[in-house]
């Protein structure tokens, strides 16, 4: 499946790709539709021209029978940022599903370095959730030590729910999630949120649920309205982490940032350590499969992408030929 322009999706029938030197052919098991895929559909990728063959949250099976999952960000290893342990900020970063064709296909080819074995006892469906959970793990790490903290998560999509799970696993005392969709709020409560509220409950109801302002606010929406709410909601000396994929300039009340010492941090993708932590959490029983609210066969990829735009689902998976 290719996104060929704004709101334009095309399915192409092509020969099975051949793996070159250092590459591996992967037979798709599950591939998740990400919010960034929807941004590409609606208004284009921020760094790349159309057409784009998406699919960066994925698990699959090799010809050898080995189960693998995708680590789609391929860093150069030698630039300024890579040398400083920040491969997520690599100057020459290549993304599977953006720069190169991704997993919204029956099979795809990637560098061997972009794959990792699925941990024992982890299903292929859960393995396709390692990448989004790694994103959440990185965001929680960007906030600093959240143990004993109160946390608000704005947005109850797959990344927001993953941040809830990652923050709870990191020792956050209480987490409140906001989202306009009732089913997403119910899911957050079942995953351990202290409260789940509609967005118009910010800030008063959120503060009441936490008995005060949150120490950390994760903005998983990244709109002008959500960032303003996040900054207003944060405790004096608190932290706002922008996790969602935004678009265009935003206006920030600089007097609030300065006078109340609110720290605003961005969170970009993940590092190998974040993947290791996400693997460990899932292998230890963190219930990421509960975030998968719909599964469509690859033959229904276009319809699945359209369904994802409604905002009613948390995570939609496309099931490929290696799905079990």
C-alpha atoms as a PDB file:
ATOM      1  CA  UNK A   1       0.000   0.000   0.000  1.00  0.00           C
ATOM      2  CA  UNK A   2       1.271   3.443  -0.971  1.00  0.00           C
ATOM      3  CA  UNK A   3       0.153   6.920   0.063  1.00  0.00           C
ATOM      4  CA  UNK A   4       0.543   8.844  -3.166  1.00  0.00           C
ATOM      5  CA  UNK A   5      -0.783  12.255  -2.153  1.00  0.00           C
ATOM      6  CA  UNK A   6      -3.134  14.009   0.274  1.00  0.00           C
ATOM      7  CA  UNK A   7      -6.024  11.594   0.970  1.00  0.00           C
ATOM      8  CA  UNK A   8      -4.794   9.369  -1.893  1.00  0.00           C
ATOM      9  CA  UNK A   9      -4.075   5.678  -1.271  1.00  0.00           C
ATOM     10  CA  UNK A  10      -3.021   3.104  -3.841  1.00  0.00           C
ATOM     11  CA  UNK A  11      -2.484  -0.644  -3.667  1.00  0.00           C
ATOM     12  CA  UNK A  12       0.129  -1.972  -6.079  1.00  0.00           C
ATOM     13  CA  UNK A  13       0.768  -5.567  -7.093  1.00  0.00           C
ATOM     14  CA  UNK A  14       4.502  -6.070  -7.589  1.00  0.00           C
ATOM     15  CA  UNK A  15       7.011  -8.913  -7.531  1.00  0.00           C
ATOM     16  CA  UNK A  16       8.219 -10.096  -4.133  1.00  0.00           C
ATOM     17  CA  UNK A  17      11.263  -7.943  -3.359  1.00  0.00           C
ATOM     18  CA  UNK A  18      14.699  -9.527  -3.311  1.00  0.00           C
ATOM     19  CA  UNK A  19      17.081  -9.001  -0.401  1.00  0.00           C
ATOM     20  CA  UNK A  20      20.447  -7.524  -1.325  1.00  0.00           C
ATOM     21  CA  UNK A  21      23.727  -7.671   0.620  1.00  0.00           C
ATOM     22  CA  UNK A  22      23.087  -7.065   4.311  1.00  0.00           C
ATOM     23  CA  UNK A  23      19.325  -7.161   3.798  1.00  0.00           C
ATOM     24  CA  UNK A  24      16.596  -9.578   4.886  1.00  0.00           C
ATOM     25  CA  UNK A  25      13.191 -10.456   3.441  1.00  0.00           C
ATOM     26  CA  UNK A  26      10.448 -10.349   6.073  1.00  0.00           C
ATOM     27  CA  UNK A  27       7.017 -11.954   5.638  1.00  0.00           C
ATOM     28  CA  UNK A  28       4.596  -9.627   7.411  1.00  0.00           C
ATOM     29  CA  UNK A  29       2.699 -10.884  10.430  1.00  0.00           C
ATOM     30  CA  UNK A  30       1.219  -7.693  11.908  1.00  0.00           C
ATOM     31  CA  UNK A  31       1.689  -4.040  11.011  1.00  0.00           C
ATOM     32  CA  UNK A  32       0.175  -1.245  13.061  1.00  0.00           C
ATOM     33  CA  UNK A  33      -1.341   1.953  11.687  1.00  0.00           C
ATOM     34  CA  UNK A  34       0.373   4.849  13.442  1.00  0.00           C
ATOM     35  CA  UNK A  35      -0.716   8.431  13.932  1.00  0.00           C
ATOM     36  CA  UNK A  36       2.244   9.515  11.818  1.00  0.00           C
ATOM     37  CA  UNK A  37       0.837   7.422   8.934  1.00  0.00           C
ATOM     38  CA  UNK A  38      -2.372   9.423   9.211  1.00  0.00           C
ATOM     39  CA  UNK A  39      -0.421  12.690   9.158  1.00  0.00           C
ATOM     40  CA  UNK A  40       1.256  11.466   5.964  1.00  0.00           C
ATOM     41  CA  UNK A  41      -2.161  10.649   4.504  1.00  0.00           C
ATOM     42  CA  UNK A  42      -3.707  13.997   5.375  1.00  0.00           C
ATOM     43  CA  UNK A  43      -0.920  16.481   4.689  1.00  0.00           C
ATOM     44  CA  UNK A  44       2.300  14.709   3.791  1.00  0.00           C
ATOM     45  CA  UNK A  45       5.412  13.582   5.583  1.00  0.00           C
ATOM     46  CA  UNK A  46       7.331  16.517   7.117  1.00  0.00           C
ATOM     47  CA  UNK A  47      10.617  15.519   5.467  1.00  0.00           C
ATOM     48  CA  UNK A  48       9.746  13.382   2.457  1.00  0.00           C
ATOM     49  CA  UNK A  49       7.814  13.803  -0.793  1.00  0.00           C
ATOM     50  CA  UNK A  50       5.009  11.519  -1.923  1.00  0.00           C
ATOM     51  CA  UNK A  51       4.683   8.629  -2.671  1.00  0.00           C
ATOM     52  CA  UNK A  52       5.415   6.829   0.598  1.00  0.00           C
ATOM     53  CA  UNK A  53       4.929   3.123   1.354  1.00  0.00           C
ATOM     54  CA  UNK A  54       4.200   3.130   5.132  1.00  0.00           C
ATOM     55  CA  UNK A  55       4.382   0.525   7.855  1.00  0.00           C
ATOM     56  CA  UNK A  56       6.952   0.926  10.645  1.00  0.00           C
ATOM     57  CA  UNK A  57       5.272  -0.885  13.558  1.00  0.00           C
ATOM     58  CA  UNK A  58       5.636  -4.482  12.504  1.00  0.00           C
ATOM     59  CA  UNK A  59       6.411  -8.078  13.262  1.00  0.00           C
ATOM     60  CA  UNK A  60       7.096 -10.888  10.836  1.00  0.00           C
ATOM     61  CA  UNK A  61       8.768 -14.171  10.042  1.00  0.00           C
ATOM     62  CA  UNK A  62      11.955 -14.814   8.065  1.00  0.00           C
ATOM     63  CA  UNK A  63      12.396 -17.593   5.533  1.00  0.00           C
ATOM     64  CA  UNK A  64      14.336 -19.405   8.268  1.00  0.00           C
ATOM     65  CA  UNK A  65      11.242 -19.363  10.475  1.00  0.00           C
ATOM     66  CA  UNK A  66      12.715 -16.879  12.955  1.00  0.00           C
ATOM     67  CA  UNK A  67      10.200 -14.443  14.437  1.00  0.00           C
ATOM     68  CA  UNK A  68      11.331 -10.818  14.285  1.00  0.00           C
ATOM     69  CA  UNK A  69      10.044  -7.314  14.882  1.00  0.00           C
ATOM     70  CA  UNK A  70      11.007  -4.061  13.221  1.00  0.00           C
ATOM     71  CA  UNK A  71      13.200  -1.335  14.674  1.00  0.00           C
ATOM     72  CA  UNK A  72      12.525   1.060  11.819  1.00  0.00           C
ATOM     73  CA  UNK A  73      14.896   3.959  12.520  1.00  0.00           C
ATOM     74  CA  UNK A  74      18.325   3.240  11.026  1.00  0.00           C
ATOM     75  CA  UNK A  75      21.019   5.608  12.295  1.00  0.00           C
ATOM     76  CA  UNK A  76      24.394   6.200  10.657  1.00  0.00           C
ATOM     77  CA  UNK A  77      26.402   5.611  13.855  1.00  0.00           C
ATOM     78  CA  UNK A  78      29.051   8.242  13.045  1.00  0.00           C
ATOM     79  CA  UNK A  79      27.396  11.693  13.085  1.00  0.00           C
ATOM     80  CA  UNK A  80      27.519  14.236  15.915  1.00  0.00           C
ATOM     81  CA  UNK A  81      24.372  12.864  17.582  1.00  0.00           C
ATOM     82  CA  UNK A  82      25.118   9.186  17.124  1.00  0.00           C
ATOM     83  CA  UNK A  83      28.516   9.653  18.752  1.00  0.00           C
ATOM     84  CA  UNK A  84      26.754  11.213  21.742  1.00  0.00           C
ATOM     85  CA  UNK A  85      24.365   8.323  22.239  1.00  0.00           C
ATOM     86  CA  UNK A  86      21.406   9.985  20.550  1.00  0.00           C
ATOM     87  CA  UNK A  87      20.801   7.905  17.405  1.00  0.00           C
ATOM     88  CA  UNK A  88      17.157   9.024  17.378  1.00  0.00           C
ATOM     89  CA  UNK A  89      18.458  12.467  16.338  1.00  0.00           C
ATOM     90  CA  UNK A  90      20.859  11.127  13.685  1.00  0.00           C
ATOM     91  CA  UNK A  91      21.640  13.582  10.886  1.00  0.00           C
ATOM     92  CA  UNK A  92      21.380  10.805   8.288  1.00  0.00           C
ATOM     93  CA  UNK A  93      18.476   8.834   9.775  1.00  0.00           C
ATOM     94  CA  UNK A  94      16.660   6.441   7.429  1.00  0.00           C
ATOM     95  CA  UNK A  95      13.176   5.284   8.359  1.00  0.00           C
ATOM     96  CA  UNK A  96      11.577   2.072   7.149  1.00  0.00           C
ATOM     97  CA  UNK A  97       8.044   2.954   6.120  1.00  0.00           C
ATOM     98  CA  UNK A  98       9.042   6.487   5.199  1.00  0.00           C
ATOM     99  CA  UNK A  99      12.372   6.647   3.362  1.00  0.00           C
ATOM    100  CA  UNK A 100      12.074   2.999   2.277  1.00  0.00           C
ATOM    101  CA  UNK A 101       8.983   0.800   1.728  1.00  0.00           C
ATOM    102  CA  UNK A 102       7.474  -0.482   4.944  1.00  0.00           C
ATOM    103  CA  UNK A 103       5.371  -3.325   6.241  1.00  0.00           C
ATOM    104  CA  UNK A 104       1.967  -2.505   4.743  1.00  0.00           C
ATOM    105  CA  UNK A 105       2.748  -5.313   2.316  1.00  0.00           C
ATOM    106  CA  UNK A 106       2.813  -9.101   2.255  1.00  0.00           C
ATOM    107  CA  UNK A 107       6.606  -8.976   2.432  1.00  0.00           C
ATOM    108  CA  UNK A 108       9.234  -6.267   2.734  1.00  0.00           C
ATOM    109  CA  UNK A 109      13.024  -5.977   2.650  1.00  0.00           C
ATOM    110  CA  UNK A 110      15.054  -4.199   5.327  1.00  0.00           C
ATOM    111  CA  UNK A 111      18.667  -4.065   6.492  1.00  0.00           C
ATOM    112  CA  UNK A 112      19.311  -6.875   8.950  1.00  0.00           C
ATOM    113  CA  UNK A 113      20.228  -4.228  11.547  1.00  0.00           C
ATOM    114  CA  UNK A 114      16.605  -3.013  11.500  1.00  0.00           C
ATOM    115  CA  UNK A 115      15.329  -6.304  12.925  1.00  0.00           C
ATOM    116  CA  UNK A 116      15.370  -7.844  16.380  1.00  0.00           C
ATOM    117  CA  UNK A 117      14.223 -11.290  17.541  1.00  0.00           C
ATOM    118  CA  UNK A 118      10.837 -11.517  19.212  1.00  0.00           C
ATOM    119  CA  UNK A 119      11.382 -12.399  22.895  1.00  0.00           C
ATOM    120  CA  UNK A 120      10.309 -15.857  24.004  1.00  0.00           C
ATOM    121  CA  UNK A 121       6.715 -15.950  25.145  1.00  0.00           C
ATOM    122  CA  UNK A 122       5.761 -12.749  23.285  1.00  0.00           C
ATOM    123  CA  UNK A 123       3.161 -13.101  20.535  1.00  0.00           C
ATOM    124  CA  UNK A 124       3.686 -11.666  17.069  1.00  0.00           C
ATOM    125  CA  UNK A 125       0.790  -9.264  17.692  1.00  0.00           C
ATOM    126  CA  UNK A 126       2.422  -7.995  20.899  1.00  0.00           C
ATOM    127  CA  UNK A 127       5.786  -7.807  19.129  1.00  0.00           C
ATOM    128  CA  UNK A 128       4.309  -5.297  16.668  1.00  0.00           C
ATOM    129  CA  UNK A 129       3.554  -3.127  19.714  1.00  0.00           C
ATOM    130  CA  UNK A 130       7.176  -2.994  20.897  1.00  0.00           C
ATOM    131  CA  UNK A 131       7.925   0.008  18.669  1.00  0.00           C
ATOM    132  CA  UNK A 132       5.069   2.228  19.956  1.00  0.00           C
ATOM    133  CA  UNK A 133       5.823   1.208  23.540  1.00  0.00           C
ATOM    134  CA  UNK A 134       9.490   2.150  22.962  1.00  0.00           C
ATOM    135  CA  UNK A 135       8.249   5.590  21.885  1.00  0.00           C
ATOM    136  CA  UNK A 136       6.400   5.889  25.190  1.00  0.00           C
ATOM    137  CA  UNK A 137       9.356   4.618  27.198  1.00  0.00           C
ATOM    138  CA  UNK A 138      11.534   7.297  25.583  1.00  0.00           C
ATOM    139  CA  UNK A 139       8.966   9.994  26.390  1.00  0.00           C
ATOM    140  CA  UNK A 140       8.809   8.952  30.037  1.00  0.00           C
ATOM    141  CA  UNK A 141      12.604   8.986  30.207  1.00  0.00           C
ATOM    142  CA  UNK A 142      12.593  12.502  28.711  1.00  0.00           C
ATOM    143  CA  UNK A 143      10.520  13.651  31.679  1.00  0.00           C
ATOM    144  CA  UNK A 144      13.166  12.478  34.146  1.00  0.00           C
ATOM    145  CA  UNK A 145      12.465  10.336  37.195  1.00  0.00           C
ATOM    146  CA  UNK A 146       8.680  10.014  37.440  1.00  0.00           C
ATOM    147  CA  UNK A 147       8.678   7.661  40.435  1.00  0.00           C
ATOM    148  CA  UNK A 148       6.175   8.950  42.972  1.00  0.00           C
ATOM    149  CA  UNK A 149       4.981  11.677  40.580  1.00  0.00           C
ATOM    150  CA  UNK A 150       1.511  12.663  39.470  1.00  0.00           C
ATOM    151  CA  UNK A 151       1.063  12.560  35.697  1.00  0.00           C
ATOM    152  CA  UNK A 152      -1.464  13.771  33.139  1.00  0.00           C
ATOM    153  CA  UNK A 153      -1.597  12.277  29.645  1.00  0.00           C
ATOM    154  CA  UNK A 154      -3.432  14.348  27.044  1.00  0.00           C
ATOM    155  CA  UNK A 155      -4.695  11.962  24.360  1.00  0.00           C
ATOM    156  CA  UNK A 156      -5.829   8.366  24.763  1.00  0.00           C
ATOM    157  CA  UNK A 157      -4.693   6.932  21.444  1.00  0.00           C
ATOM    158  CA  UNK A 158      -2.134   4.164  21.193  1.00  0.00           C
ATOM    159  CA  UNK A 159       0.768   6.420  22.207  1.00  0.00           C
ATOM    160  CA  UNK A 160      -1.163   8.004  25.066  1.00  0.00           C
ATOM    161  CA  UNK A 161      -2.200   4.585  26.398  1.00  0.00           C
ATOM    162  CA  UNK A 162       1.395   3.385  25.975  1.00  0.00           C
ATOM    163  CA  UNK A 163       2.643   6.401  27.942  1.00  0.00           C
ATOM    164  CA  UNK A 164       0.159   5.474  30.676  1.00  0.00           C
ATOM    165  CA  UNK A 165       1.616   1.950  30.799  1.00  0.00           C
ATOM    166  CA  UNK A 166       5.220   3.181  30.683  1.00  0.00           C
ATOM    167  CA  UNK A 167       4.671   5.830  33.361  1.00  0.00           C
ATOM    168  CA  UNK A 168       2.984   3.329  35.657  1.00  0.00           C
ATOM    169  CA  UNK A 169       5.839   0.878  35.109  1.00  0.00           C
ATOM    170  CA  UNK A 170       8.315   3.665  35.951  1.00  0.00           C
ATOM    171  CA  UNK A 171       6.638   4.228  39.318  1.00  0.00           C
ATOM    172  CA  UNK A 172       4.291   7.162  38.694  1.00  0.00           C
ATOM    173  CA  UNK A 173       1.962   7.440  41.674  1.00  0.00           C
ATOM    174  CA  UNK A 174      -1.138   8.532  39.767  1.00  0.00           C
ATOM    175  CA  UNK A 175      -1.876   8.996  36.076  1.00  0.00           C
ATOM    176  CA  UNK A 176      -4.883  10.818  34.619  1.00  0.00           C
ATOM    177  CA  UNK A 177      -5.728  10.454  30.900  1.00  0.00           C
ATOM    178  CA  UNK A 178      -7.893  12.801  28.848  1.00  0.00           C
ATOM    179  CA  UNK A 179      -9.613  11.895  25.569  1.00  0.00           C
ATOM    180  CA  UNK A 180     -12.930  12.779  23.895  1.00  0.00           C
ATOM    181  CA  UNK A 181     -13.772   9.124  23.090  1.00  0.00           C
ATOM    182  CA  UNK A 182     -15.532   7.293  25.928  1.00  0.00           C
ATOM    183  CA  UNK A 183     -14.176   3.856  24.971  1.00  0.00           C
ATOM    184  CA  UNK A 184     -10.613   5.161  25.147  1.00  0.00           C
ATOM    185  CA  UNK A 185     -11.271   6.620  28.576  1.00  0.00           C
ATOM    186  CA  UNK A 186     -12.674   3.265  29.700  1.00  0.00           C
ATOM    187  CA  UNK A 187      -9.577   1.490  28.389  1.00  0.00           C
ATOM    188  CA  UNK A 188      -7.308   3.886  30.272  1.00  0.00           C
ATOM    189  CA  UNK A 189      -9.154   3.191  33.511  1.00  0.00           C
ATOM    190  CA  UNK A 190      -8.839  -0.548  32.968  1.00  0.00           C
ATOM    191  CA  UNK A 191      -5.078  -0.112  32.400  1.00  0.00           C
ATOM    192  CA  UNK A 192      -4.568   1.633  35.714  1.00  0.00           C
ATOM    193  CA  UNK A 193      -5.362   5.307  35.202  1.00  0.00           C
ATOM    194  CA  UNK A 194      -6.566   7.027  38.363  1.00  0.00           C
ATOM    195  CA  UNK A 195      -9.097   8.917  36.267  1.00  0.00           C
ATOM    196  CA  UNK A 196     -10.008   9.303  32.598  1.00  0.00           C
ATOM    197  CA  UNK A 197     -11.722  12.519  31.601  1.00  0.00           C
ATOM    198  CA  UNK A 198     -12.892  14.394  28.491  1.00  0.00           C
ATOM    199  CA  UNK A 199     -10.537  17.164  27.295  1.00  0.00           C
ATOM    200  CA  UNK A 200     -12.875  19.900  28.470  1.00  0.00           C
ATOM    201  CA  UNK A 201     -12.176  18.703  32.019  1.00  0.00           C
ATOM    202  CA  UNK A 202      -8.732  20.340  31.783  1.00  0.00           C
ATOM    203  CA  UNK A 203      -7.643  21.848  34.070  1.00  0.00           C
ATOM    204  CA  UNK A 204     -10.101  21.785  36.976  1.00  0.00           C
ATOM    205  CA  UNK A 205     -11.261  18.150  36.939  1.00  0.00           C
ATOM    206  CA  UNK A 206      -7.756  16.877  36.272  1.00  0.00           C
ATOM    207  CA  UNK A 207      -6.397  18.841  39.212  1.00  0.00           C
ATOM    208  CA  UNK A 208      -9.229  17.552  41.387  1.00  0.00           C
ATOM    209  CA  UNK A 209      -8.485  13.957  40.379  1.00  0.00           C
ATOM    210  CA  UNK A 210      -4.824  14.400  41.277  1.00  0.00           C
ATOM    211  CA  UNK A 211      -5.470  16.585  44.346  1.00  0.00           C
ATOM    212  CA  UNK A 212      -3.392  19.284  42.703  1.00  0.00           C
ATOM    213  CA  UNK A 213      -1.523  19.962  39.473  1.00  0.00           C
ATOM    214  CA  UNK A 214       0.400  17.124  37.820  1.00  0.00           C
ATOM    215  CA  UNK A 215       4.174  17.034  38.124  1.00  0.00           C
ATOM    216  CA  UNK A 216       4.450  15.898  34.488  1.00  0.00           C
ATOM    217  CA  UNK A 217       2.122  16.418  31.517  1.00  0.00           C
ATOM    218  CA  UNK A 218       2.545  14.331  28.357  1.00  0.00           C
ATOM    219  CA  UNK A 219       1.002  16.019  25.326  1.00  0.00           C
ATOM    220  CA  UNK A 220       0.177  13.154  22.970  1.00  0.00           C
ATOM    221  CA  UNK A 221      -2.021  15.359  20.776  1.00  0.00           C
ATOM    222  CA  UNK A 222       0.418  18.197  19.954  1.00  0.00           C
ATOM    223  CA  UNK A 223      -2.044  20.805  18.790  1.00  0.00           C
ATOM    224  CA  UNK A 224      -2.110  24.479  19.675  1.00  0.00           C
ATOM    225  CA  UNK A 225      -4.920  23.811  22.122  1.00  0.00           C
ATOM    226  CA  UNK A 226      -3.378  20.761  23.761  1.00  0.00           C
ATOM    227  CA  UNK A 227       0.019  22.360  24.297  1.00  0.00           C
ATOM    228  CA  UNK A 228      -1.586  25.421  25.845  1.00  0.00           C
ATOM    229  CA  UNK A 229      -3.631  23.165  28.124  1.00  0.00           C
ATOM    230  CA  UNK A 230      -0.545  21.164  29.045  1.00  0.00           C
ATOM    231  CA  UNK A 231       1.412  24.253  30.037  1.00  0.00           C
ATOM    232  CA  UNK A 232      -1.490  25.712  32.020  1.00  0.00           C
ATOM    233  CA  UNK A 233      -2.033  22.386  33.734  1.00  0.00           C
ATOM    234  CA  UNK A 234       1.553  21.743  34.800  1.00  0.00           C
ATOM    235  CA  UNK A 235       2.620  22.416  38.362  1.00  0.00           C
ATOM    236  CA  UNK A 236       5.054  25.240  38.999  1.00  0.00           C
ATOM    237  CA  UNK A 237       8.464  23.778  38.234  1.00  0.00           C
ATOM    238  CA  UNK A 238       6.767  20.949  36.335  1.00  0.00           C
ATOM    239  CA  UNK A 239       7.522  19.344  33.003  1.00  0.00           C
ATOM    240  CA  UNK A 240       5.591  19.154  29.733  1.00  0.00           C
ATOM    241  CA  UNK A 241       6.731  16.489  27.268  1.00  0.00           C
ATOM    242  CA  UNK A 242       5.483  16.836  23.693  1.00  0.00           C
ATOM    243  CA  UNK A 243       5.035  13.322  22.299  1.00  0.00           C
ATOM    244  CA  UNK A 244       2.397  13.732  19.594  1.00  0.00           C
ATOM    245  CA  UNK A 245       3.208  14.645  16.006  1.00  0.00           C
ATOM    246  CA  UNK A 246       2.337  18.313  15.594  1.00  0.00           C
ATOM    247  CA  UNK A 247       2.217  20.541  12.561  1.00  0.00           C
ATOM    248  CA  UNK A 248       3.121  24.180  12.108  1.00  0.00           C
ATOM    249  CA  UNK A 249       4.018  26.958  14.557  1.00  0.00           C
ATOM    250  CA  UNK A 250       2.475  27.239  18.008  1.00  0.00           C
ATOM    251  CA  UNK A 251       2.145  30.182  20.369  1.00  0.00           C
ATOM    252  CA  UNK A 252       3.382  29.646  23.908  1.00  0.00           C
ATOM    253  CA  UNK A 253       2.694  31.900  26.902  1.00  0.00           C
ATOM    254  CA  UNK A 254       6.337  32.635  27.601  1.00  0.00           C
ATOM    255  CA  UNK A 255       5.560  34.384  30.897  1.00  0.00           C
ATOM    256  CA  UNK A 256       4.120  31.130  32.208  1.00  0.00           C
ATOM    257  CA  UNK A 257       7.137  29.147  31.055  1.00  0.00           C
ATOM    258  CA  UNK A 258       9.554  31.633  32.626  1.00  0.00           C
ATOM    259  CA  UNK A 259       7.790  32.747  35.770  1.00  0.00           C
ATOM    260  CA  UNK A 260       6.523  29.302  36.762  1.00  0.00           C
ATOM    261  CA  UNK A 261       9.658  27.466  35.582  1.00  0.00           C
ATOM    262  CA  UNK A 262       7.710  25.062  33.391  1.00  0.00           C
ATOM    263  CA  UNK A 263      10.071  22.907  31.353  1.00  0.00           C
ATOM    264  CA  UNK A 264       8.966  21.960  27.827  1.00  0.00           C
ATOM    265  CA  UNK A 265      10.715  18.936  26.331  1.00  0.00           C
ATOM    266  CA  UNK A 266      10.299  17.209  23.013  1.00  0.00           C
ATOM    267  CA  UNK A 267      10.414  13.441  22.620  1.00  0.00           C
ATOM    268  CA  UNK A 268      11.606  12.011  19.310  1.00  0.00           C
ATOM    269  CA  UNK A 269      11.251   8.291  18.666  1.00  0.00           C
ATOM    270  CA  UNK A 270      13.565   6.046  20.724  1.00  0.00           C
ATOM    271  CA  UNK A 271      17.015   4.595  21.312  1.00  0.00           C
ATOM    272  CA  UNK A 272      18.171   0.958  21.523  1.00  0.00           C
ATOM    273  CA  UNK A 273      17.860   1.193  25.308  1.00  0.00           C
ATOM    274  CA  UNK A 274      14.202   2.167  24.948  1.00  0.00           C
ATOM    275  CA  UNK A 275      13.567  -0.921  22.811  1.00  0.00           C
ATOM    276  CA  UNK A 276      15.260  -3.105  25.418  1.00  0.00           C
ATOM    277  CA  UNK A 277      13.047  -1.614  28.122  1.00  0.00           C
ATOM    278  CA  UNK A 278       9.904  -2.025  26.005  1.00  0.00           C
ATOM    279  CA  UNK A 279      10.792  -5.660  25.275  1.00  0.00           C
ATOM    280  CA  UNK A 280      11.293  -6.285  28.989  1.00  0.00           C
ATOM    281  CA  UNK A 281       7.975  -4.688  29.930  1.00  0.00           C
ATOM    282  CA  UNK A 282       6.012  -6.696  27.366  1.00  0.00           C
ATOM    283  CA  UNK A 283       7.791  -9.937  28.237  1.00  0.00           C
ATOM    284  CA  UNK A 284       6.988  -9.153  31.882  1.00  0.00           C
ATOM    285  CA  UNK A 285       3.274  -8.906  31.181  1.00  0.00           C
ATOM    286  CA  UNK A 286       2.490  -5.270  30.355  1.00  0.00           C
ATOM    287  CA  UNK A 287      -0.769  -5.784  28.409  1.00  0.00           C
ATOM    288  CA  UNK A 288      -0.045  -4.005  25.124  1.00  0.00           C
ATOM    289  CA  UNK A 289      -2.311  -6.365  23.168  1.00  0.00           C
ATOM    290  CA  UNK A 290      -5.287  -4.713  24.863  1.00  0.00           C
ATOM    291  CA  UNK A 291      -4.486  -1.572  22.868  1.00  0.00           C
ATOM    292  CA  UNK A 292      -5.205  -3.461  19.625  1.00  0.00           C
ATOM    293  CA  UNK A 293      -8.879  -2.711  19.069  1.00  0.00           C
ATOM    294  CA  UNK A 294      -9.234  -3.911  15.459  1.00  0.00           C
ATOM    295  CA  UNK A 295      -7.411  -6.260  13.073  1.00  0.00           C
ATOM    296  CA  UNK A 296      -7.895  -6.116   9.291  1.00  0.00           C
ATOM    297  CA  UNK A 297      -6.394  -8.357   6.622  1.00  0.00           C
ATOM    298  CA  UNK A 298      -3.889  -6.678   4.328  1.00  0.00           C
ATOM    299  CA  UNK A 299      -6.432  -6.930   1.539  1.00  0.00           C
ATOM    300  CA  UNK A 300      -8.508  -4.381   3.476  1.00  0.00           C
ATOM    301  CA  UNK A 301      -5.577  -2.010   4.062  1.00  0.00           C
ATOM    302  CA  UNK A 302      -7.249   0.986   2.454  1.00  0.00           C
ATOM    303  CA  UNK A 303     -10.443   0.538   4.477  1.00  0.00           C
ATOM    304  CA  UNK A 304      -8.390   0.039   7.625  1.00  0.00           C
ATOM    305  CA  UNK A 305      -6.530   3.294   7.042  1.00  0.00           C
ATOM    306  CA  UNK A 306      -9.820   5.096   6.579  1.00  0.00           C
ATOM    307  CA  UNK A 307     -11.167   3.527   9.784  1.00  0.00           C
ATOM    308  CA  UNK A 308      -8.114   4.775  11.664  1.00  0.00           C
ATOM    309  CA  UNK A 309      -8.896   8.350  10.656  1.00  0.00           C
ATOM    310  CA  UNK A 310     -12.183   8.277  12.597  1.00  0.00           C
ATOM    311  CA  UNK A 311     -10.325   8.279  15.905  1.00  0.00           C
ATOM    312  CA  UNK A 312     -12.607   5.616  17.354  1.00  0.00           C
ATOM    313  CA  UNK A 313      -9.973   2.871  17.472  1.00  0.00           C
ATOM    314  CA  UNK A 314      -6.817   2.803  19.615  1.00  0.00           C
ATOM    315  CA  UNK A 315      -4.612   0.594  17.459  1.00  0.00           C
ATOM    316  CA  UNK A 316      -5.549  -1.040  14.172  1.00  0.00           C
ATOM    317  CA  UNK A 317      -3.361  -3.885  12.986  1.00  0.00           C
ATOM    318  CA  UNK A 318      -3.045  -5.148   9.452  1.00  0.00           C
ATOM    319  CA  UNK A 319      -2.609  -8.927   9.405  1.00  0.00           C
ATOM    320  CA  UNK A 320      -0.215 -10.311   6.813  1.00  0.00           C
ATOM    321  CA  UNK A 321       0.455 -13.841   5.573  1.00  0.00           C
ATOM    322  CA  UNK A 322       2.627 -14.705   8.608  1.00  0.00           C
ATOM    323  CA  UNK A 323      -0.078 -13.764  11.127  1.00  0.00           C
ATOM    324  CA  UNK A 324      -1.111 -16.478  13.563  1.00  0.00           C
END
